[in-house]
Amino acid sequence: LILGYRNFFLFSTFTAFIVRYLENLNSKYTLTILKMISNGEFSYSAEELMKWEIKSPASISKVIENLKEREIILEIDGKYSIADPFFEEFIQRV
């Protein structure tokens, strides 16, 4: 029981840290874009952007560049992926 509580506390602390870190990237779309990438649904298409409630492709270009500069995401053959598989798992659960 104590170990379970400890793990919950560590996960909660990690979650708070990541959320603050993502907020510091200065975009309300950062978490959404990471979720799109982790789900394999990232696209600049109007339909996909509407589905995720993103208003325009221009608003996400800067976020993508920011994430690439920080090596949070990678671009390989025109497709984006999250660099760290553990972080990707976390993003899918948030």
N, C-alpha and C. Protein backbone atom coordinates (compact mmCIF):
# COMPACT_ATOMS: atom_id res chain seq x y z
N LEU A 1 0.83 -1.20 0.00
CA LEU A 1 0.00 0.00 0.00
C LEU A 1 0.86 1.25 0.00
N ILE A 2 1.92 1.27 0.81
CA ILE A 2 2.81 2.43 0.85
C ILE A 2 3.52 2.60 -0.48
N LEU A 3 3.97 1.48 -1.06
CA LEU A 3 4.64 1.56 -2.35
C LEU A 3 3.70 2.12 -3.41
N GLY A 4 2.43 1.71 -3.38
CA GLY A 4 1.45 2.24 -4.33
C GLY A 4 1.27 3.74 -4.16
N TYR A 5 1.18 4.20 -2.92
CA TYR A 5 1.04 5.62 -2.65
C TYR A 5 2.27 6.38 -3.12
N ARG A 6 3.44 5.81 -2.88
CA ARG A 6 4.70 6.45 -3.30
C ARG A 6 4.74 6.59 -4.82
N ASN A 7 4.36 5.54 -5.52
CA ASN A 7 4.35 5.61 -6.98
C ASN A 7 3.35 6.64 -7.47
N PHE A 8 2.18 6.70 -6.83
CA PHE A 8 1.19 7.70 -7.20
C PHE A 8 1.74 9.11 -6.97
N PHE A 9 2.41 9.31 -5.84
CA PHE A 9 2.99 10.62 -5.53
C PHE A 9 4.05 10.99 -6.57
N LEU A 10 4.92 10.04 -6.93
CA LEU A 10 5.96 10.30 -7.92
C LEU A 10 5.35 10.63 -9.28
N PHE A 11 4.30 9.87 -9.67
CA PHE A 11 3.64 10.14 -10.95
C PHE A 11 3.00 11.52 -10.93
N SER A 12 2.34 11.88 -9.83
CA SER A 12 1.69 13.19 -9.71
C SER A 12 2.73 14.31 -9.79
N THR A 13 3.85 14.12 -9.12
CA THR A 13 4.91 15.12 -9.15
C THR A 13 5.48 15.25 -10.56
N PHE A 14 5.73 14.13 -11.21
CA PHE A 14 6.24 14.13 -12.58
C PHE A 14 5.25 14.81 -13.51
N THR A 15 3.97 14.50 -13.35
CA THR A 15 2.93 15.10 -14.18
C THR A 15 2.94 16.62 -14.02
N ALA A 16 2.99 17.10 -12.80
CA ALA A 16 3.01 18.55 -12.55
C ALA A 16 4.24 19.18 -13.19
N PHE A 17 5.39 18.52 -13.09
CA PHE A 17 6.62 19.04 -13.68
C PHE A 17 6.49 19.15 -15.20
N ILE A 18 5.99 18.09 -15.82
CA ILE A 18 5.86 18.08 -17.28
C ILE A 18 4.86 19.13 -17.75
N VAL A 19 3.75 19.25 -17.05
CA VAL A 19 2.75 20.25 -17.44
C VAL A 19 3.35 21.65 -17.35
N ARG A 20 4.09 21.94 -16.29
CA ARG A 20 4.75 23.26 -16.17
C ARG A 20 5.78 23.44 -17.29
N TYR A 21 6.54 22.39 -17.60
CA TYR A 21 7.54 22.48 -18.65
C TYR A 21 6.86 22.78 -19.99
N LEU A 22 5.78 22.09 -20.28
CA LEU A 22 5.08 22.30 -21.54
C LEU A 22 4.46 23.69 -21.61
N GLU A 23 3.98 24.19 -20.49
CA GLU A 23 3.42 25.54 -20.47
C GLU A 23 4.49 26.57 -20.78
N ASN A 24 5.73 26.28 -20.40
CA ASN A 24 6.83 27.21 -20.66
C ASN A 24 7.21 27.27 -22.14
N LEU A 25 6.68 26.38 -22.93
CA LEU A 25 6.94 26.44 -24.37
C LEU A 25 6.09 27.50 -25.05
N ASN A 26 5.27 28.19 -24.26
CA ASN A 26 4.50 29.35 -24.71
C ASN A 26 3.50 29.07 -25.82
N SER A 27 2.79 27.98 -25.71
CA SER A 27 1.72 27.73 -26.65
C SER A 27 0.65 26.88 -26.01
N LYS A 28 -0.59 27.26 -26.24
CA LYS A 28 -1.69 26.46 -25.72
C LYS A 28 -1.85 25.18 -26.52
N TYR A 29 -1.19 25.09 -27.66
CA TYR A 29 -1.32 23.92 -28.51
C TYR A 29 -0.23 22.87 -28.30
N THR A 30 0.73 23.12 -27.44
CA THR A 30 1.87 22.21 -27.29
C THR A 30 1.42 20.80 -26.91
N LEU A 31 0.63 20.68 -25.87
CA LEU A 31 0.18 19.36 -25.43
C LEU A 31 -0.69 18.70 -26.50
N THR A 32 -1.54 19.48 -27.14
CA THR A 32 -2.40 18.94 -28.20
C THR A 32 -1.56 18.39 -29.34
N ILE A 33 -0.55 19.12 -29.75
CA ILE A 33 0.31 18.68 -30.84
C ILE A 33 1.07 17.41 -30.45
N LEU A 34 1.55 17.36 -29.22
CA LEU A 34 2.24 16.16 -28.75
C LEU A 34 1.29 14.95 -28.74
N LYS A 35 0.05 15.19 -28.36
CA LYS A 35 -0.94 14.10 -28.38
C LYS A 35 -1.21 13.65 -29.82
N MET A 36 -1.32 14.60 -30.74
CA MET A 36 -1.52 14.26 -32.15
C MET A 36 -0.37 13.40 -32.66
N ILE A 37 0.84 13.81 -32.35
CA ILE A 37 2.02 13.07 -32.81
C ILE A 37 2.06 11.67 -32.19
N SER A 38 1.79 11.58 -30.89
CA SER A 38 1.86 10.27 -30.22
C SER A 38 0.77 9.33 -30.73
N ASN A 39 -0.35 9.89 -31.20
CA ASN A 39 -1.42 9.07 -31.76
C ASN A 39 -1.25 8.81 -33.25
N GLY A 40 -0.18 9.36 -33.83
CA GLY A 40 0.05 9.18 -35.26
C GLY A 40 -0.94 9.94 -36.12
N GLU A 41 -1.52 11.01 -35.57
CA GLU A 41 -2.56 11.76 -36.27
C GLU A 41 -2.13 13.17 -36.64
N PHE A 42 -0.85 13.47 -36.55
CA PHE A 42 -0.43 14.84 -36.86
C PHE A 42 -0.52 15.10 -38.35
N SER A 43 -1.19 16.20 -38.68
CA SER A 43 -1.34 16.61 -40.06
C SER A 43 -1.71 18.09 -40.08
N TYR A 44 -1.33 18.75 -41.15
CA TYR A 44 -1.73 20.15 -41.32
C TYR A 44 -3.08 20.26 -42.02
N SER A 45 -3.75 19.15 -42.26
CA SER A 45 -5.03 19.20 -42.98
C SER A 45 -6.10 19.89 -42.13
N ALA A 46 -6.98 20.59 -42.81
CA ALA A 46 -8.03 21.35 -42.13
C ALA A 46 -8.92 20.44 -41.28
N GLU A 47 -9.21 19.24 -41.78
CA GLU A 47 -10.07 18.31 -41.05
C GLU A 47 -9.42 17.89 -39.74
N GLU A 48 -8.14 17.55 -39.82
CA GLU A 48 -7.41 17.10 -38.64
C GLU A 48 -7.29 18.23 -37.62
N LEU A 49 -7.01 19.43 -38.11
CA LEU A 49 -6.89 20.58 -37.20
C LEU A 49 -8.22 20.89 -36.52
N MET A 50 -9.32 20.78 -37.25
CA MET A 50 -10.63 21.01 -36.65
C MET A 50 -10.93 19.95 -35.59
N LYS A 51 -10.58 18.72 -35.89
CA LYS A 51 -10.81 17.62 -34.95
C LYS A 51 -10.14 17.91 -33.61
N TRP A 52 -8.93 18.47 -33.67
CA TRP A 52 -8.16 18.76 -32.47
C TRP A 52 -8.36 20.19 -31.97
N GLU A 53 -9.26 20.91 -32.60
CA GLU A 53 -9.62 22.28 -32.20
C GLU A 53 -8.44 23.25 -32.31
N ILE A 54 -7.70 23.13 -33.39
CA ILE A 54 -6.61 24.05 -33.69
C ILE A 54 -7.08 24.94 -34.83
N LYS A 55 -6.92 26.25 -34.64
CA LYS A 55 -7.53 27.19 -35.58
C LYS A 55 -6.81 27.32 -36.92
N SER A 56 -5.47 27.26 -36.93
CA SER A 56 -4.78 27.40 -38.20
C SER A 56 -3.42 26.72 -38.17
N PRO A 57 -2.94 26.28 -39.34
CA PRO A 57 -1.62 25.65 -39.41
C PRO A 57 -0.50 26.58 -38.95
N ALA A 58 -0.67 27.88 -39.18
CA ALA A 58 0.37 28.83 -38.79
C ALA A 58 0.61 28.82 -37.29
N SER A 59 -0.44 28.57 -36.53
CA SER A 59 -0.29 28.59 -35.08
C SER A 59 0.50 27.40 -34.56
N ILE A 60 0.63 26.34 -35.36
CA ILE A 60 1.37 25.19 -34.86
C ILE A 60 2.80 25.09 -35.42
N SER A 61 3.09 25.82 -36.47
CA SER A 61 4.43 25.76 -37.06
C SER A 61 5.51 26.14 -36.05
N LYS A 62 5.27 27.19 -35.30
CA LYS A 62 6.25 27.64 -34.31
C LYS A 62 6.41 26.61 -33.19
N VAL A 63 5.31 26.00 -32.79
CA VAL A 63 5.36 24.97 -31.75
C VAL A 63 6.19 23.78 -32.22
N ILE A 64 5.96 23.36 -33.46
CA ILE A 64 6.72 22.24 -34.02
C ILE A 64 8.21 22.56 -34.02
N GLU A 65 8.57 23.74 -34.47
CA GLU A 65 9.98 24.14 -34.49
C GLU A 65 10.57 24.16 -33.08
N ASN A 66 9.81 24.68 -32.14
CA ASN A 66 10.24 24.71 -30.73
C ASN A 66 10.49 23.31 -30.20
N LEU A 67 9.59 22.40 -30.47
CA LEU A 67 9.73 21.02 -30.00
C LEU A 67 10.91 20.33 -30.66
N LYS A 68 11.15 20.63 -31.94
CA LYS A 68 12.31 20.05 -32.63
C LYS A 68 13.61 20.61 -32.06
N GLU A 69 13.66 21.91 -31.82
CA GLU A 69 14.87 22.53 -31.25
C GLU A 69 15.22 21.94 -29.90
N ARG A 70 14.21 21.65 -29.10
CA ARG A 70 14.42 21.09 -27.76
C ARG A 70 14.59 19.57 -27.79
N GLU A 71 14.55 19.00 -29.00
CA GLU A 71 14.70 17.56 -29.22
C GLU A 71 13.65 16.74 -28.49
N ILE A 72 12.46 17.31 -28.36
CA ILE A 72 11.34 16.58 -27.78
C ILE A 72 10.70 15.72 -28.86
N ILE A 73 10.69 16.26 -30.10
CA ILE A 73 10.19 15.48 -31.23
C ILE A 73 11.29 15.38 -32.28
N LEU A 74 11.17 14.37 -33.11
CA LEU A 74 12.09 14.16 -34.22
C LEU A 74 11.29 14.17 -35.52
N GLU A 75 11.92 14.62 -36.58
CA GLU A 75 11.30 14.55 -37.90
C GLU A 75 12.12 13.62 -38.76
N ILE A 76 11.49 12.54 -39.20
CA ILE A 76 12.16 11.55 -40.05
C ILE A 76 11.27 11.30 -41.25
N ASP A 77 11.81 11.57 -42.43
CA ASP A 77 11.06 11.40 -43.69
C ASP A 77 9.73 12.14 -43.68
N GLY A 78 9.74 13.34 -43.11
CA GLY A 78 8.53 14.17 -43.10
C GLY A 78 7.50 13.80 -42.05
N LYS A 79 7.79 12.78 -41.24
CA LYS A 79 6.88 12.37 -40.16
C LYS A 79 7.51 12.72 -38.82
N TYR A 80 6.66 13.12 -37.89
CA TYR A 80 7.13 13.48 -36.55
C TYR A 80 6.90 12.34 -35.59
N SER A 81 7.83 12.21 -34.65
CA SER A 81 7.67 11.25 -33.56
C SER A 81 8.26 11.85 -32.30
N ILE A 82 7.80 11.39 -31.17
CA ILE A 82 8.32 11.85 -29.89
C ILE A 82 9.61 11.10 -29.62
N ALA A 83 10.65 11.83 -29.27
CA ALA A 83 11.99 11.26 -29.15
C ALA A 83 12.10 10.22 -28.04
N ASP A 84 11.47 10.45 -26.92
CA ASP A 84 11.59 9.56 -25.77
C ASP A 84 10.34 8.69 -25.65
N PRO A 85 10.48 7.36 -25.75
CA PRO A 85 9.30 6.49 -25.69
C PRO A 85 8.56 6.56 -24.35
N PHE A 86 9.27 6.81 -23.26
CA PHE A 86 8.61 6.93 -21.95
C PHE A 86 7.78 8.21 -21.90
N PHE A 87 8.32 9.27 -22.46
CA PHE A 87 7.58 10.53 -22.52
C PHE A 87 6.35 10.37 -23.42
N GLU A 88 6.52 9.65 -24.52
CA GLU A 88 5.39 9.41 -25.41
C GLU A 88 4.29 8.65 -24.68
N GLU A 89 4.66 7.65 -23.91
CA GLU A 89 3.67 6.90 -23.12
C GLU A 89 2.96 7.83 -22.14
N PHE A 90 3.72 8.71 -21.53
CA PHE A 90 3.13 9.67 -20.60
C PHE A 90 2.13 10.57 -21.31
N ILE A 91 2.49 11.10 -22.46
CA ILE A 91 1.62 11.99 -23.22
C ILE A 91 0.32 11.27 -23.59
N GLN A 92 0.39 10.02 -23.93
CA GLN A 92 -0.81 9.26 -24.30
C GLN A 92 -1.74 9.10 -23.10
N ARG A 93 -1.20 9.10 -21.90
CA ARG A 93 -2.02 8.90 -20.70
C ARG A 93 -2.56 10.20 -20.10
N VAL A 94 -1.99 11.32 -20.48
CA VAL A 94 -2.43 12.59 -19.90
C VAL A 94 -3.74 13.03 -20.53
